[in-house]
Amino acid sequence: MAEEKKRVLLTLSLDKAEELETISKEMGISKSALVSLWIAENSRK
């Protein structure tokens, strides 16, 4: 079964947006996947 998802809008400074793009390309994942990974790694369990 597919995971339910919600679209969100983020506003980042130009340099942070470029950094997000660069890191996601280096890792071979989407920007959404990178943000999800960061949240999962930094969430309080």
PDB file of N, CA and C in Angstrom:
ATOM      1  N   MET A   1       0.846  -1.174   0.000  1.00  0.00           N
ATOM      2  CA  MET A   1       0.000   0.000   0.000  1.00  0.00           C
ATOM      3  C   MET A   1       0.895   1.242   0.000  1.00  0.00           C
ATOM      4  N   ALA A   2       0.563   2.215  -0.811  1.00  0.00           N
ATOM      5  CA  ALA A   2       1.358   3.435  -0.916  1.00  0.00           C
ATOM      6  C   ALA A   2       1.204   4.300   0.329  1.00  0.00           C
ATOM      7  N   GLU A   3       2.299   4.923   0.692  1.00  0.00           N
ATOM      8  CA  GLU A   3       2.294   5.802   1.851  1.00  0.00           C
ATOM      9  C   GLU A   3       1.562   7.098   1.514  1.00  0.00           C
ATOM     10  N   GLU A   4       0.709   7.550   2.416  1.00  0.00           N
ATOM     11  CA  GLU A   4       0.011   8.814   2.211  1.00  0.00           C
ATOM     12  C   GLU A   4       1.008   9.952   2.348  1.00  0.00           C
ATOM     13  N   LYS A   5       0.936  10.928   1.459  1.00  0.00           N
ATOM     14  CA  LYS A   5       1.895  12.029   1.469  1.00  0.00           C
ATOM     15  C   LYS A   5       1.169  13.365   1.459  1.00  0.00           C
ATOM     16  N   LYS A   6       1.845  14.381   1.931  1.00  0.00           N
ATOM     17  CA  LYS A   6       1.323  15.740   1.927  1.00  0.00           C
ATOM     18  C   LYS A   6       2.377  16.651   1.317  1.00  0.00           C
ATOM     19  N   ARG A   7       1.970  17.505   0.407  1.00  0.00           N
ATOM     20  CA  ARG A   7       2.879  18.446  -0.231  1.00  0.00           C
ATOM     21  C   ARG A   7       3.082  19.638   0.706  1.00  0.00           C
ATOM     22  N   VAL A   8       4.346  20.063   0.866  1.00  0.00           N
ATOM     23  CA  VAL A   8       4.667  21.234   1.681  1.00  0.00           C
ATOM     24  C   VAL A   8       5.513  22.194   0.854  1.00  0.00           C
ATOM     25  N   LEU A   9       5.486  23.446   1.235  1.00  0.00           N
ATOM     26  CA  LEU A   9       6.262  24.473   0.562  1.00  0.00           C
ATOM     27  C   LEU A   9       7.283  25.020   1.540  1.00  0.00           C
ATOM     28  N   LEU A  10       8.544  25.058   1.131  1.00  0.00           N
ATOM     29  CA  LEU A  10       9.610  25.599   1.961  1.00  0.00           C
ATOM     30  C   LEU A  10      10.188  26.833   1.287  1.00  0.00           C
ATOM     31  N   THR A  11      10.547  27.812   2.079  1.00  0.00           N
ATOM     32  CA  THR A  11      11.246  28.981   1.567  1.00  0.00           C
ATOM     33  C   THR A  11      12.643  28.971   2.156  1.00  0.00           C
ATOM     34  N   LEU A  12      13.646  28.917   1.282  1.00  0.00           N
ATOM     35  CA  LEU A  12      15.043  28.873   1.700  1.00  0.00           C
ATOM     36  C   LEU A  12      15.802  30.022   1.057  1.00  0.00           C
ATOM     37  N   SER A  13      16.873  30.422   1.708  1.00  0.00           N
ATOM     38  CA  SER A  13      17.747  31.403   1.073  1.00  0.00           C
ATOM     39  C   SER A  13      18.339  30.751  -0.173  1.00  0.00           C
ATOM     40  N   LEU A  14      18.786  31.550  -1.108  1.00  0.00           N
ATOM     41  CA  LEU A  14      19.335  31.035  -2.356  1.00  0.00           C
ATOM     42  C   LEU A  14      20.497  30.087  -2.098  1.00  0.00           C
ATOM     43  N   ASP A  15      21.383  30.444  -1.168  1.00  0.00           N
ATOM     44  CA  ASP A  15      22.539  29.578  -0.916  1.00  0.00           C
ATOM     45  C   ASP A  15      22.115  28.248  -0.289  1.00  0.00           C
ATOM     46  N   LYS A  16      21.117  28.239   0.583  1.00  0.00           N
ATOM     47  CA  LYS A  16      20.644  26.983   1.178  1.00  0.00           C
ATOM     48  C   LYS A  16      19.917  26.133   0.148  1.00  0.00           C
ATOM     49  N   ALA A  17      19.161  26.748  -0.734  1.00  0.00           N
ATOM     50  CA  ALA A  17      18.471  26.013  -1.791  1.00  0.00           C
ATOM     51  C   ALA A  17      19.485  25.352  -2.723  1.00  0.00           C
ATOM     52  N   GLU A  18      20.545  26.071  -3.060  1.00  0.00           N
ATOM     53  CA  GLU A  18      21.594  25.517  -3.914  1.00  0.00           C
ATOM     54  C   GLU A  18      22.326  24.376  -3.198  1.00  0.00           C
ATOM     55  N   GLU A  19      22.544  24.539  -1.892  1.00  0.00           N
ATOM     56  CA  GLU A  19      23.200  23.497  -1.113  1.00  0.00           C
ATOM     57  C   GLU A  19      22.330  22.236  -1.058  1.00  0.00           C
ATOM     58  N   LEU A  20      21.041  22.407  -0.869  1.00  0.00           N
ATOM     59  CA  LEU A  20      20.116  21.287  -0.875  1.00  0.00           C
ATOM     60  C   LEU A  20      20.170  20.555  -2.210  1.00  0.00           C
ATOM     61  N   GLU A  21      20.162  21.302  -3.291  1.00  0.00           N
ATOM     62  CA  GLU A  21      20.234  20.733  -4.642  1.00  0.00           C
ATOM     63  C   GLU A  21      21.537  19.961  -4.835  1.00  0.00           C
ATOM     64  N   THR A  22      22.647  20.553  -4.425  1.00  0.00           N
ATOM     65  CA  THR A  22      23.958  19.925  -4.587  1.00  0.00           C
ATOM     66  C   THR A  22      24.054  18.629  -3.807  1.00  0.00           C
ATOM     67  N   ILE A  23      23.652  18.666  -2.537  1.00  0.00           N
ATOM     68  CA  ILE A  23      23.747  17.477  -1.686  1.00  0.00           C
ATOM     69  C   ILE A  23      22.853  16.364  -2.228  1.00  0.00           C
ATOM     70  N   SER A  24      21.643  16.709  -2.637  1.00  0.00           N
ATOM     71  CA  SER A  24      20.734  15.678  -3.147  1.00  0.00           C
ATOM     72  C   SER A  24      21.289  15.041  -4.423  1.00  0.00           C
ATOM     73  N   LYS A  25      21.905  15.839  -5.291  1.00  0.00           N
ATOM     74  CA  LYS A  25      22.509  15.288  -6.508  1.00  0.00           C
ATOM     75  C   LYS A  25      23.695  14.390  -6.168  1.00  0.00           C
ATOM     76  N   GLU A  26      24.520  14.824  -5.227  1.00  0.00           N
ATOM     77  CA  GLU A  26      25.680  14.018  -4.823  1.00  0.00           C
ATOM     78  C   GLU A  26      25.248  12.677  -4.249  1.00  0.00           C
ATOM     79  N   MET A  27      24.143  12.666  -3.512  1.00  0.00           N
ATOM     80  CA  MET A  27      23.655  11.439  -2.881  1.00  0.00           C
ATOM     81  C   MET A  27      22.789  10.614  -3.835  1.00  0.00           C
ATOM     82  N   GLY A  28      22.390  11.212  -4.950  1.00  0.00           N
ATOM     83  CA  GLY A  28      21.562  10.509  -5.923  1.00  0.00           C
ATOM     84  C   GLY A  28      20.131  10.312  -5.471  1.00  0.00           C
ATOM     85  N   ILE A  29      19.636  11.258  -4.655  1.00  0.00           N
ATOM     86  CA  ILE A  29      18.254  11.186  -4.174  1.00  0.00           C
ATOM     87  C   ILE A  29      17.563  12.520  -4.430  1.00  0.00           C
ATOM     88  N   SER A  30      16.256  12.519  -4.343  1.00  0.00           N
ATOM     89  CA  SER A  30      15.502  13.757  -4.545  1.00  0.00           C
ATOM     90  C   SER A  30      15.667  14.690  -3.345  1.00  0.00           C
ATOM     91  N   LYS A  31      15.337  15.936  -3.551  1.00  0.00           N
ATOM     92  CA  LYS A  31      15.374  16.900  -2.445  1.00  0.00           C
ATOM     93  C   LYS A  31      14.372  16.499  -1.367  1.00  0.00           C
ATOM     94  N   SER A  32      13.215  16.006  -1.776  1.00  0.00           N
ATOM     95  CA  SER A  32      12.220  15.549  -0.808  1.00  0.00           C
ATOM     96  C   SER A  32      12.754  14.386   0.016  1.00  0.00           C
ATOM     97  N   ALA A  33      13.421  13.456  -0.641  1.00  0.00           N
ATOM     98  CA  ALA A  33      13.995  12.311   0.077  1.00  0.00           C
ATOM     99  C   ALA A  33      15.077  12.764   1.046  1.00  0.00           C
ATOM    100  N   LEU A  34      15.872  13.749   0.641  1.00  0.00           N
ATOM    101  CA  LEU A  34      16.924  14.262   1.514  1.00  0.00           C
ATOM    102  C   LEU A  34      16.326  14.915   2.756  1.00  0.00           C
ATOM    103  N   VAL A  35      15.299  15.715   2.586  1.00  0.00           N
ATOM    104  CA  VAL A  35      14.647  16.358   3.731  1.00  0.00           C
ATOM    105  C   VAL A  35      14.017  15.294   4.626  1.00  0.00           C
ATOM    106  N   SER A  36      13.368  14.298   4.030  1.00  0.00           N
ATOM    107  CA  SER A  36      12.764  13.214   4.815  1.00  0.00           C
ATOM    108  C   SER A  36      13.827  12.452   5.599  1.00  0.00           C
ATOM    109  N   LEU A  37      14.964  12.195   4.977  1.00  0.00           N
ATOM    110  CA  LEU A  37      16.067  11.516   5.643  1.00  0.00           C
ATOM    111  C   LEU A  37      16.575  12.339   6.822  1.00  0.00           C
ATOM    112  N   TRP A  38      16.748  13.630   6.616  1.00  0.00           N
ATOM    113  CA  TRP A  38      17.221  14.504   7.686  1.00  0.00           C
ATOM    114  C   TRP A  38      16.234  14.490   8.859  1.00  0.00           C
ATOM    115  N   ILE A  39      14.946  14.564   8.559  1.00  0.00           N
ATOM    116  CA  ILE A  39      13.934  14.547   9.616  1.00  0.00           C
ATOM    117  C   ILE A  39      13.993  13.222  10.376  1.00  0.00           C
ATOM    118  N   ALA A  40      14.069  12.117   9.639  1.00  0.00           N
ATOM    119  CA  ALA A  40      14.115  10.806  10.288  1.00  0.00           C
ATOM    120  C   ALA A  40      15.343  10.668  11.185  1.00  0.00           C
ATOM    121  N   GLU A  41      16.474  11.177  10.738  1.00  0.00           N
ATOM    122  CA  GLU A  41      17.700  11.069  11.507  1.00  0.00           C
ATOM    123  C   GLU A  41      17.724  12.007  12.711  1.00  0.00           C
ATOM    124  N   ASN A  42      16.949  13.065  12.673  1.00  0.00           N
ATOM    125  CA  ASN A  42      16.987  14.059  13.733  1.00  0.00           C
ATOM    126  C   ASN A  42      15.711  14.142  14.562  1.00  0.00           C
ATOM    127  N   SER A  43      14.795  13.211  14.333  1.00  0.00           N
ATOM    128  CA  SER A  43      13.551  13.234  15.107  1.00  0.00           C
ATOM    129  C   SER A  43      13.775  12.619  16.481  1.00  0.00           C
ATOM    130  N   ARG A  44      13.031  13.110  17.413  1.00  0.00           N
ATOM    131  CA  ARG A  44      13.073  12.558  18.770  1.00  0.00           C
ATOM    132  C   ARG A  44      12.165  11.357  18.822  1.00  0.00           C
ATOM    133  N   LYS A  45      12.721  10.258  19.265  1.00  0.00           N
ATOM    134  CA  LYS A  45      11.936   9.014  19.282  1.00  0.00           C
ATOM    135  C   LYS A  45      11.541   8.654  20.674  1.00  0.00           C
TER     136      LYS A  45
END
